[in-house]
Every structure is written in C-alpha cells, then in structure tokens.
Amino acid sequence: MAEALPKEQQLEKGKKELMKIASSKEIAFSNYQWTERESQSSIEKKMQRSWDATEVEENLTVIQELAEVLKKCPNLILRIKSICDGSGQNDQVTQAAFAKDFEADFPTEAMDKSLPYAHARALTIQRMLMEQGITLDRMVSSLQEGKVRSVEFAVE
C-alpha cells in the first residue's frame, strides 16, 4: 500500500488537479423566464431550475471530477464562489422557492437576501458534491456580485 503524501504536498497536488478542472470546464446554468401572470408554483419551479446545476448534463462530469480530487486529497477544502449579476429578485416567491428547494438538505441555511440566486447556485453545487460522498465540512461557499452567472472553485 502506498504511503500517503504529506499534507502540504497533498494540498499542492490537489490544487493543481482542481485548477486543471476549473480552467478547462465550467458550471453552466439554464435560463428560465417567467411572467407575473404565471402561478406561484410555476414561477417557483422555474426559479429552482434556473439555479439547479443538474439541469445541464455536462455539469455532472465536472462535479464527478471535483469529487474525485476531493476524495484523493482528504485534507483539501473546496471554496465554491458563486457569482451572480444581482438581477435575481428577493421577494416572497423567491424565498418560498429557496426554502422548498434547500430546507431538507440545508435546514439551517437562510437565503442571502442580496444575492439569492448566487446563494442557491452555491448550495446546488454543495448538494451535488454531497451526493458524490463529499461532506459539507469540506466545502466553503462565498457569494459575489459580478457581470455573469458563474461558479469558480479554489482550494483552502
């Protein structure tokens, strides 16, 4: 059985592998539009689908690759930075959609009121990684306002 690398070497190797994944692939999100004339239920579902990374099949490959690196490097902590243009609305419908989508997996998580969609996208990525066997304590998320909807990864 091969001896484990020292923590510093493990982190450096994990960082390199992670940066390779992050620089060659990105997480994409679908864009669902709705009107105020639609039912609250319909709007909530479209909101949820707009921040759900599983809506784009290629994202699953990225998540699986990230999970593989995290499993090989147990001391690695993944930072998930979700960037959003700030156009997501913070109203009762958004809050209801957020609660319905995340209350089971993240029961103590309160929706970020300034960047609700960025927050939801970060949680979606965390949920996907948890489904791959990565524990929540191995992930840290942050939110940022920017010009595009994206997710960036870094190592801590």
N, C-alpha and C. Protein backbone atom coordinates (compact mmCIF):
# COMPACT_ATOMS: atom_id res chain seq x y z
N MET A 1 0.84 -1.18 0.00
CA MET A 1 0.00 0.00 0.00
C MET A 1 0.89 1.25 0.00
N ALA A 2 0.60 2.18 -0.86
CA ALA A 2 1.41 3.40 -0.99
C ALA A 2 1.20 4.30 0.22
N GLU A 3 2.29 4.92 0.65
CA GLU A 3 2.22 5.85 1.79
C GLU A 3 1.59 7.16 1.34
N ALA A 4 0.78 7.73 2.19
CA ALA A 4 0.10 9.00 1.86
C ALA A 4 1.12 10.12 1.79
N LEU A 5 0.87 11.04 0.89
CA LEU A 5 1.72 12.23 0.77
C LEU A 5 1.55 13.11 1.99
N PRO A 6 2.60 13.85 2.37
CA PRO A 6 2.42 14.84 3.44
C PRO A 6 1.33 15.84 3.06
N LYS A 7 0.72 16.42 4.09
CA LYS A 7 -0.42 17.31 3.87
C LYS A 7 -0.10 18.42 2.87
N GLU A 8 1.06 19.05 2.98
CA GLU A 8 1.42 20.16 2.08
C GLU A 8 1.50 19.69 0.63
N GLN A 9 2.14 18.53 0.41
CA GLN A 9 2.24 18.00 -0.95
C GLN A 9 0.87 17.59 -1.47
N GLN A 10 0.07 17.01 -0.60
CA GLN A 10 -1.29 16.60 -0.98
C GLN A 10 -2.11 17.81 -1.40
N LEU A 11 -2.03 18.88 -0.60
CA LEU A 11 -2.78 20.09 -0.94
C LEU A 11 -2.30 20.68 -2.26
N GLU A 12 -0.99 20.71 -2.46
CA GLU A 12 -0.44 21.27 -3.71
C GLU A 12 -0.89 20.44 -4.92
N LYS A 13 -0.82 19.13 -4.79
CA LYS A 13 -1.26 18.25 -5.87
C LYS A 13 -2.76 18.44 -6.13
N GLY A 14 -3.54 18.49 -5.06
CA GLY A 14 -4.98 18.70 -5.20
C GLY A 14 -5.30 20.03 -5.84
N LYS A 15 -4.56 21.08 -5.46
CA LYS A 15 -4.77 22.40 -6.05
C LYS A 15 -4.51 22.37 -7.55
N LYS A 16 -3.43 21.71 -7.94
CA LYS A 16 -3.11 21.62 -9.37
C LYS A 16 -4.19 20.88 -10.14
N GLU A 17 -4.62 19.75 -9.59
CA GLU A 17 -5.68 18.98 -10.25
C GLU A 17 -6.97 19.79 -10.34
N LEU A 18 -7.30 20.46 -9.24
CA LEU A 18 -8.51 21.26 -9.21
C LEU A 18 -8.45 22.40 -10.22
N MET A 19 -7.31 23.09 -10.29
CA MET A 19 -7.17 24.21 -11.22
C MET A 19 -7.26 23.72 -12.67
N LYS A 20 -6.76 22.53 -12.92
CA LYS A 20 -6.86 21.97 -14.26
C LYS A 20 -8.34 21.76 -14.63
N ILE A 21 -9.10 21.21 -13.70
CA ILE A 21 -10.54 21.01 -13.94
C ILE A 21 -11.22 22.36 -14.12
N ALA A 22 -10.96 23.29 -13.20
CA ALA A 22 -11.63 24.59 -13.21
C ALA A 22 -11.28 25.42 -14.46
N SER A 23 -10.06 25.27 -14.97
CA SER A 23 -9.68 26.08 -16.13
C SER A 23 -10.18 25.48 -17.45
N SER A 24 -10.49 24.20 -17.44
CA SER A 24 -10.92 23.58 -18.70
C SER A 24 -12.43 23.40 -18.80
N LYS A 25 -13.13 23.49 -17.68
CA LYS A 25 -14.58 23.28 -17.68
C LYS A 25 -15.24 24.27 -16.75
N GLU A 26 -16.47 24.57 -17.03
CA GLU A 26 -17.20 25.47 -16.13
C GLU A 26 -18.59 24.93 -15.88
N ILE A 27 -19.16 25.39 -14.80
CA ILE A 27 -20.54 25.02 -14.46
C ILE A 27 -21.47 25.97 -15.21
N ALA A 28 -22.44 25.41 -15.89
CA ALA A 28 -23.39 26.21 -16.66
C ALA A 28 -24.79 26.09 -16.03
N PHE A 29 -25.56 27.13 -16.20
CA PHE A 29 -26.92 27.14 -15.67
C PHE A 29 -27.89 27.50 -16.79
N SER A 30 -29.07 26.92 -16.72
CA SER A 30 -30.12 27.22 -17.69
C SER A 30 -30.79 28.53 -17.31
N ASN A 31 -31.40 29.16 -18.28
CA ASN A 31 -32.07 30.43 -18.03
C ASN A 31 -33.56 30.25 -18.30
N TYR A 32 -34.34 30.29 -17.26
CA TYR A 32 -35.79 30.14 -17.38
C TYR A 32 -36.45 31.48 -17.13
N GLN A 33 -37.34 31.85 -18.01
CA GLN A 33 -38.06 33.12 -17.89
C GLN A 33 -39.49 32.84 -17.44
N TRP A 34 -40.08 33.79 -16.76
CA TRP A 34 -41.46 33.67 -16.32
C TRP A 34 -42.10 35.05 -16.33
N THR A 35 -43.41 35.05 -16.25
CA THR A 35 -44.15 36.31 -16.18
C THR A 35 -44.93 36.35 -14.88
N GLU A 36 -45.33 37.50 -14.48
CA GLU A 36 -46.09 37.66 -13.24
C GLU A 36 -47.46 37.02 -13.33
N ARG A 37 -47.92 36.74 -14.55
CA ARG A 37 -49.24 36.12 -14.73
C ARG A 37 -49.22 34.62 -14.44
N GLU A 38 -48.04 34.03 -14.34
CA GLU A 38 -47.95 32.60 -14.06
C GLU A 38 -48.27 32.34 -12.59
N SER A 39 -48.62 31.11 -12.30
CA SER A 39 -48.91 30.75 -10.90
C SER A 39 -47.63 30.79 -10.07
N GLN A 40 -47.79 30.97 -8.78
CA GLN A 40 -46.61 30.99 -7.90
C GLN A 40 -45.85 29.68 -8.01
N SER A 41 -46.56 28.58 -8.09
CA SER A 41 -45.93 27.27 -8.20
C SER A 41 -45.07 27.16 -9.46
N SER A 42 -45.60 27.64 -10.57
CA SER A 42 -44.86 27.61 -11.83
C SER A 42 -43.60 28.49 -11.75
N ILE A 43 -43.73 29.66 -11.18
CA ILE A 43 -42.58 30.57 -11.04
C ILE A 43 -41.52 29.95 -10.14
N GLU A 44 -41.95 29.37 -9.01
CA GLU A 44 -41.01 28.73 -8.09
C GLU A 44 -40.23 27.63 -8.80
N LYS A 45 -40.91 26.81 -9.57
CA LYS A 45 -40.24 25.71 -10.28
C LYS A 45 -39.23 26.25 -11.29
N LYS A 46 -39.57 27.30 -11.99
CA LYS A 46 -38.64 27.89 -12.95
C LYS A 46 -37.44 28.51 -12.24
N MET A 47 -37.68 29.15 -11.10
CA MET A 47 -36.57 29.70 -10.31
C MET A 47 -35.63 28.56 -9.90
N GLN A 48 -36.22 27.52 -9.35
CA GLN A 48 -35.41 26.39 -8.89
C GLN A 48 -34.60 25.78 -10.03
N ARG A 49 -35.19 25.67 -11.18
CA ARG A 49 -34.48 25.11 -12.33
C ARG A 49 -33.39 26.04 -12.83
N SER A 50 -33.55 27.36 -12.65
CA SER A 50 -32.54 28.31 -13.12
C SER A 50 -31.28 28.27 -12.25
N TRP A 51 -31.39 27.84 -11.00
CA TRP A 51 -30.18 27.75 -10.17
C TRP A 51 -29.72 26.31 -9.97
N ASP A 52 -30.39 25.37 -10.59
CA ASP A 52 -30.07 23.96 -10.44
C ASP A 52 -29.02 23.54 -11.47
N ALA A 53 -27.81 23.25 -11.01
CA ALA A 53 -26.72 22.86 -11.91
C ALA A 53 -26.96 21.51 -12.56
N THR A 54 -27.86 20.68 -12.01
CA THR A 54 -28.12 19.38 -12.62
C THR A 54 -28.91 19.51 -13.92
N GLU A 55 -29.43 20.70 -14.18
CA GLU A 55 -30.18 20.94 -15.42
C GLU A 55 -29.28 20.82 -16.66
N VAL A 56 -27.96 20.99 -16.49
CA VAL A 56 -27.02 20.92 -17.61
C VAL A 56 -26.18 19.66 -17.41
N GLU A 57 -26.33 18.70 -18.29
CA GLU A 57 -25.72 17.39 -18.14
C GLU A 57 -24.20 17.44 -17.98
N GLU A 58 -23.53 18.34 -18.69
CA GLU A 58 -22.08 18.43 -18.62
C GLU A 58 -21.59 18.79 -17.21
N ASN A 59 -22.44 19.44 -16.43
CA ASN A 59 -22.05 19.80 -15.07
C ASN A 59 -21.78 18.57 -14.21
N LEU A 60 -22.47 17.48 -14.49
CA LEU A 60 -22.30 16.27 -13.71
C LEU A 60 -20.87 15.74 -13.83
N THR A 61 -20.29 15.84 -15.02
CA THR A 61 -18.90 15.42 -15.22
C THR A 61 -17.95 16.27 -14.40
N VAL A 62 -18.16 17.58 -14.40
CA VAL A 62 -17.32 18.48 -13.62
C VAL A 62 -17.41 18.14 -12.14
N ILE A 63 -18.61 17.94 -11.65
CA ILE A 63 -18.81 17.61 -10.24
C ILE A 63 -18.14 16.29 -9.89
N GLN A 64 -18.28 15.30 -10.76
CA GLN A 64 -17.64 13.99 -10.51
C GLN A 64 -16.12 14.14 -10.46
N GLU A 65 -15.55 14.94 -11.35
CA GLU A 65 -14.11 15.15 -11.35
C GLU A 65 -13.65 15.88 -10.09
N LEU A 66 -14.41 16.88 -9.66
CA LEU A 66 -14.08 17.58 -8.43
C LEU A 66 -14.14 16.63 -7.24
N ALA A 67 -15.18 15.80 -7.20
CA ALA A 67 -15.34 14.85 -6.10
C ALA A 67 -14.18 13.86 -6.06
N GLU A 68 -13.71 13.43 -7.22
CA GLU A 68 -12.57 12.50 -7.27
C GLU A 68 -11.33 13.13 -6.64
N VAL A 69 -11.07 14.39 -6.96
CA VAL A 69 -9.92 15.09 -6.39
C VAL A 69 -10.09 15.20 -4.88
N LEU A 70 -11.27 15.59 -4.44
CA LEU A 70 -11.51 15.73 -3.01
C LEU A 70 -11.38 14.40 -2.27
N LYS A 71 -11.79 13.32 -2.89
CA LYS A 71 -11.66 12.01 -2.25
C LYS A 71 -10.20 11.58 -2.16
N LYS A 72 -9.41 11.89 -3.19
CA LYS A 72 -7.99 11.54 -3.18
C LYS A 72 -7.21 12.39 -2.20
N CYS A 73 -7.69 13.58 -1.92
CA CYS A 73 -6.98 14.54 -1.06
C CYS A 73 -7.88 14.91 0.12
N PRO A 74 -7.91 14.07 1.15
CA PRO A 74 -8.87 14.28 2.24
C PRO A 74 -8.65 15.55 3.07
N ASN A 75 -7.50 16.21 2.94
CA ASN A 75 -7.28 17.46 3.67
C ASN A 75 -7.67 18.69 2.86
N LEU A 76 -8.13 18.47 1.65
CA LEU A 76 -8.48 19.57 0.76
C LEU A 76 -9.85 20.14 1.13
N ILE A 77 -9.94 21.45 1.20
CA ILE A 77 -11.21 22.15 1.41
C ILE A 77 -11.50 22.92 0.13
N LEU A 78 -12.66 22.72 -0.43
CA LEU A 78 -13.05 23.37 -1.68
C LEU A 78 -13.82 24.64 -1.39
N ARG A 79 -13.38 25.74 -1.99
CA ARG A 79 -14.12 27.01 -1.92
C ARG A 79 -14.93 27.12 -3.20
N ILE A 80 -16.22 27.34 -3.01
CA ILE A 80 -17.15 27.50 -4.13
C ILE A 80 -17.58 28.95 -4.12
N LYS A 81 -17.14 29.71 -5.12
CA LYS A 81 -17.53 31.11 -5.21
C LYS A 81 -18.58 31.24 -6.30
N SER A 82 -19.76 31.62 -5.90
CA SER A 82 -20.86 31.79 -6.84
C SER A 82 -21.01 33.27 -7.17
N ILE A 83 -20.99 33.56 -8.45
CA ILE A 83 -21.04 34.94 -8.93
C ILE A 83 -22.35 35.14 -9.67
N CYS A 84 -23.03 36.22 -9.36
CA CYS A 84 -24.33 36.50 -9.96
C CYS A 84 -24.42 37.98 -10.27
N ASP A 85 -25.18 38.32 -11.29
CA ASP A 85 -25.27 39.73 -11.69
C ASP A 85 -26.21 40.55 -10.81
N GLY A 86 -26.78 39.93 -9.81
CA GLY A 86 -27.63 40.67 -8.88
C GLY A 86 -29.03 40.95 -9.39
N SER A 87 -29.38 40.36 -10.53
CA SER A 87 -30.70 40.63 -11.09
C SER A 87 -31.78 39.73 -10.49
N GLY A 88 -31.39 38.73 -9.72
CA GLY A 88 -32.38 37.85 -9.10
C GLY A 88 -33.19 38.59 -8.06
N GLN A 89 -34.46 38.37 -8.09
CA GLN A 89 -35.33 39.11 -7.18
C GLN A 89 -35.36 38.46 -5.80
N ASN A 90 -35.53 39.28 -4.79
CA ASN A 90 -35.69 38.80 -3.43
C ASN A 90 -37.10 39.18 -2.99
N ASP A 91 -38.01 38.27 -3.21
CA ASP A 91 -39.39 38.51 -2.81
C ASP A 91 -39.93 37.23 -2.18
N GLN A 92 -41.19 37.22 -1.83
CA GLN A 92 -41.77 36.06 -1.17
C GLN A 92 -41.72 34.81 -2.04
N VAL A 93 -41.87 34.97 -3.34
CA VAL A 93 -41.84 33.81 -4.23
C VAL A 93 -40.43 33.21 -4.24
N THR A 94 -39.41 34.07 -4.33
CA THR A 94 -38.02 33.60 -4.31
C THR A 94 -37.72 32.91 -2.99
N GLN A 95 -38.13 33.52 -1.90
CA GLN A 95 -37.89 32.93 -0.59
C GLN A 95 -38.58 31.58 -0.44
N ALA A 96 -39.79 31.47 -0.97
CA ALA A 96 -40.53 30.20 -0.91
C ALA A 96 -39.83 29.13 -1.75
N ALA A 97 -39.40 29.51 -2.96
CA ALA A 97 -38.70 28.56 -3.83
C ALA A 97 -37.40 28.10 -3.19
N PHE A 98 -36.66 29.02 -2.61
CA PHE A 98 -35.40 28.71 -1.93
C PHE A 98 -35.65 27.74 -0.78
N ALA A 99 -36.62 28.05 0.06
CA ALA A 99 -36.92 27.20 1.22
C ALA A 99 -37.33 25.80 0.79
N LYS A 100 -38.21 25.71 -0.20
CA LYS A 100 -38.68 24.40 -0.66
C LYS A 100 -37.52 23.57 -1.24
N ASP A 101 -36.60 24.25 -1.93
CA ASP A 101 -35.51 23.55 -2.58
C ASP A 101 -34.43 23.09 -1.60
N PHE A 102 -34.17 23.89 -0.56
CA PHE A 102 -32.99 23.62 0.26
C PHE A 102 -33.27 23.24 1.71
N GLU A 103 -34.51 23.36 2.19
CA GLU A 103 -34.73 23.14 3.61
C GLU A 103 -34.42 21.71 4.05
N ALA A 104 -34.58 20.72 3.19
CA ALA A 104 -34.29 19.34 3.58
C ALA A 104 -32.78 19.10 3.71
N ASP A 105 -32.00 19.60 2.75
CA ASP A 105 -30.56 19.36 2.75
C ASP A 105 -29.78 20.35 3.61
N PHE A 106 -30.30 21.56 3.74
CA PHE A 106 -29.61 22.63 4.48
C PHE A 106 -30.63 23.31 5.42
N PRO A 107 -31.09 22.60 6.45
CA PRO A 107 -32.21 23.10 7.27
C PRO A 107 -31.94 24.42 8.01
N THR A 108 -30.70 24.75 8.25
CA THR A 108 -30.42 26.00 8.99
C THR A 108 -29.99 27.13 8.07
N GLU A 109 -29.98 26.90 6.78
CA GLU A 109 -29.50 27.90 5.81
C GLU A 109 -30.57 28.95 5.54
N ALA A 110 -30.24 30.20 5.80
CA ALA A 110 -31.14 31.31 5.49
C ALA A 110 -30.70 31.92 4.16
N MET A 111 -31.63 32.20 3.29
CA MET A 111 -31.33 32.73 1.97
C MET A 111 -30.62 34.08 2.08
N ASP A 112 -29.55 34.24 1.33
CA ASP A 112 -28.88 35.53 1.25
C ASP A 112 -29.82 36.50 0.54
N LYS A 113 -30.16 37.58 1.17
CA LYS A 113 -31.17 38.49 0.62
C LYS A 113 -30.63 39.38 -0.50
N SER A 114 -29.31 39.59 -0.56
CA SER A 114 -28.77 40.44 -1.61
C SER A 114 -28.44 39.66 -2.89
N LEU A 115 -28.05 38.39 -2.75
CA LEU A 115 -27.70 37.58 -3.91
C LEU A 115 -28.34 36.18 -3.79
N PRO A 116 -29.67 36.13 -3.81
CA PRO A 116 -30.33 34.84 -3.59
C PRO A 116 -30.00 33.78 -4.63
N TYR A 117 -29.84 34.17 -5.89
CA TYR A 117 -29.56 33.18 -6.93
C TYR A 117 -28.13 32.67 -6.81
N ALA A 118 -27.19 33.53 -6.49
CA ALA A 118 -25.81 33.09 -6.28
C ALA A 118 -25.76 32.11 -5.12
N HIS A 119 -26.49 32.42 -4.07
CA HIS A 119 -26.54 31.55 -2.90
C HIS A 119 -27.12 30.18 -3.28
N ALA A 120 -28.21 30.20 -4.01
CA ALA A 120 -28.85 28.95 -4.42
C ALA A 120 -27.93 28.13 -5.33
N ARG A 121 -27.20 28.78 -6.21
CA ARG A 121 -26.28 28.05 -7.09
C ARG A 121 -25.15 27.40 -6.29
N ALA A 122 -24.63 28.11 -5.30
CA ALA A 122 -23.58 27.53 -4.45
C ALA A 122 -24.12 26.31 -3.70
N LEU A 123 -25.33 26.42 -3.17
CA LEU A 123 -25.92 25.29 -2.45
C LEU A 123 -26.18 24.11 -3.38
N THR A 124 -26.56 24.38 -4.61
CA THR A 124 -26.77 23.30 -5.57
C THR A 124 -25.47 22.53 -5.80
N ILE A 125 -24.37 23.25 -5.95
CA ILE A 125 -23.07 22.61 -6.15
C ILE A 125 -22.71 21.79 -4.90
N GLN A 126 -22.93 22.38 -3.72
CA GLN A 126 -22.64 21.64 -2.49
C GLN A 126 -23.48 20.37 -2.41
N ARG A 127 -24.74 20.46 -2.75
CA ARG A 127 -25.62 19.28 -2.72
C ARG A 127 -25.12 18.21 -3.69
N MET A 128 -24.72 18.62 -4.87
CA MET A 128 -24.23 17.66 -5.86
C MET A 128 -22.97 16.96 -5.35
N LEU A 129 -22.08 17.72 -4.72
CA LEU A 129 -20.85 17.12 -4.17
C LEU A 129 -21.17 16.20 -3.00
N MET A 130 -22.14 16.56 -2.19
CA MET A 130 -22.56 15.70 -1.08
C MET A 130 -23.09 14.38 -1.63
N GLU A 131 -23.81 14.43 -2.74
CA GLU A 131 -24.32 13.21 -3.37
C GLU A 131 -23.19 12.33 -3.89
N GLN A 132 -22.01 12.93 -4.11
CA GLN A 132 -20.82 12.18 -4.54
C GLN A 132 -19.98 11.71 -3.35
N GLY A 133 -20.48 11.95 -2.12
CA GLY A 133 -19.79 11.47 -0.94
C GLY A 133 -18.88 12.48 -0.25
N ILE A 134 -18.94 13.74 -0.66
CA ILE A 134 -18.12 14.78 -0.04
C ILE A 134 -18.94 15.42 1.08
N THR A 135 -18.35 15.50 2.26
CA THR A 135 -19.08 16.06 3.40
C THR A 135 -19.07 17.59 3.34
N LEU A 136 -20.09 18.17 3.91
CA LEU A 136 -20.28 19.61 3.88
C LEU A 136 -19.12 20.36 4.54
N ASP A 137 -18.49 19.76 5.54
CA ASP A 137 -17.38 20.43 6.20
C ASP A 137 -16.13 20.55 5.32
N ARG A 138 -16.16 19.94 4.14
CA ARG A 138 -15.05 20.04 3.20
C ARG A 138 -15.30 21.11 2.14
N MET A 139 -16.38 21.88 2.32
CA MET A 139 -16.74 22.91 1.35
C MET A 139 -17.03 24.22 2.07
N VAL A 140 -16.60 25.30 1.44
CA VAL A 140 -16.88 26.65 1.93
C VAL A 140 -17.43 27.42 0.74
N SER A 141 -18.49 28.15 0.96
CA SER A 141 -19.04 28.92 -0.17
C SER A 141 -18.94 30.41 0.11
N SER A 142 -18.85 31.16 -0.98
CA SER A 142 -18.88 32.61 -0.89
C SER A 142 -19.68 33.12 -2.08
N LEU A 143 -20.19 34.33 -1.93
CA LEU A 143 -21.02 34.93 -2.96
C LEU A 143 -20.39 36.23 -3.40
N GLN A 144 -20.59 36.55 -4.67
CA GLN A 144 -20.04 37.79 -5.21
C GLN A 144 -20.93 38.31 -6.31
N GLU A 145 -21.11 39.61 -6.35
CA GLU A 145 -21.83 40.22 -7.46
C GLU A 145 -20.84 40.42 -8.60
N GLY A 146 -21.28 40.12 -9.81
CA GLY A 146 -20.42 40.24 -10.99
C GLY A 146 -21.26 40.44 -12.22
N LYS A 147 -20.61 40.39 -13.37
CA LYS A 147 -21.31 40.64 -14.62
C LYS A 147 -21.97 39.39 -15.20
N VAL A 148 -21.50 38.22 -14.80
CA VAL A 148 -22.04 36.98 -15.36
C VAL A 148 -22.41 36.02 -14.24
N ARG A 149 -23.26 35.07 -14.59
CA ARG A 149 -23.60 34.00 -13.66
C ARG A 149 -22.55 32.91 -13.82
N SER A 150 -21.78 32.67 -12.77
CA SER A 150 -20.77 31.62 -12.86
C SER A 150 -20.42 31.12 -11.47
N VAL A 151 -19.66 30.04 -11.48
CA VAL A 151 -19.16 29.47 -10.25
C VAL A 151 -17.66 29.26 -10.44
N GLU A 152 -16.87 29.68 -9.47
CA GLU A 152 -15.43 29.49 -9.50
C GLU A 152 -15.03 28.61 -8.33
N PHE A 153 -13.98 27.85 -8.52
CA PHE A 153 -13.50 26.95 -7.47
C PHE A 153 -12.08 27.31 -7.09
N ALA A 154 -11.78 27.16 -5.81
CA ALA A 154 -10.43 27.37 -5.30
C ALA A 154 -10.25 26.40 -4.14
N VAL A 155 -9.03 26.31 -3.65
CA VAL A 155 -8.71 25.40 -2.57
C VAL A 155 -8.27 26.19 -1.35
N GLU A 156 -8.68 25.73 -0.19
CA GLU A 156 -8.24 26.34 1.07
C GLU A 156 -7.40 25.33 1.82
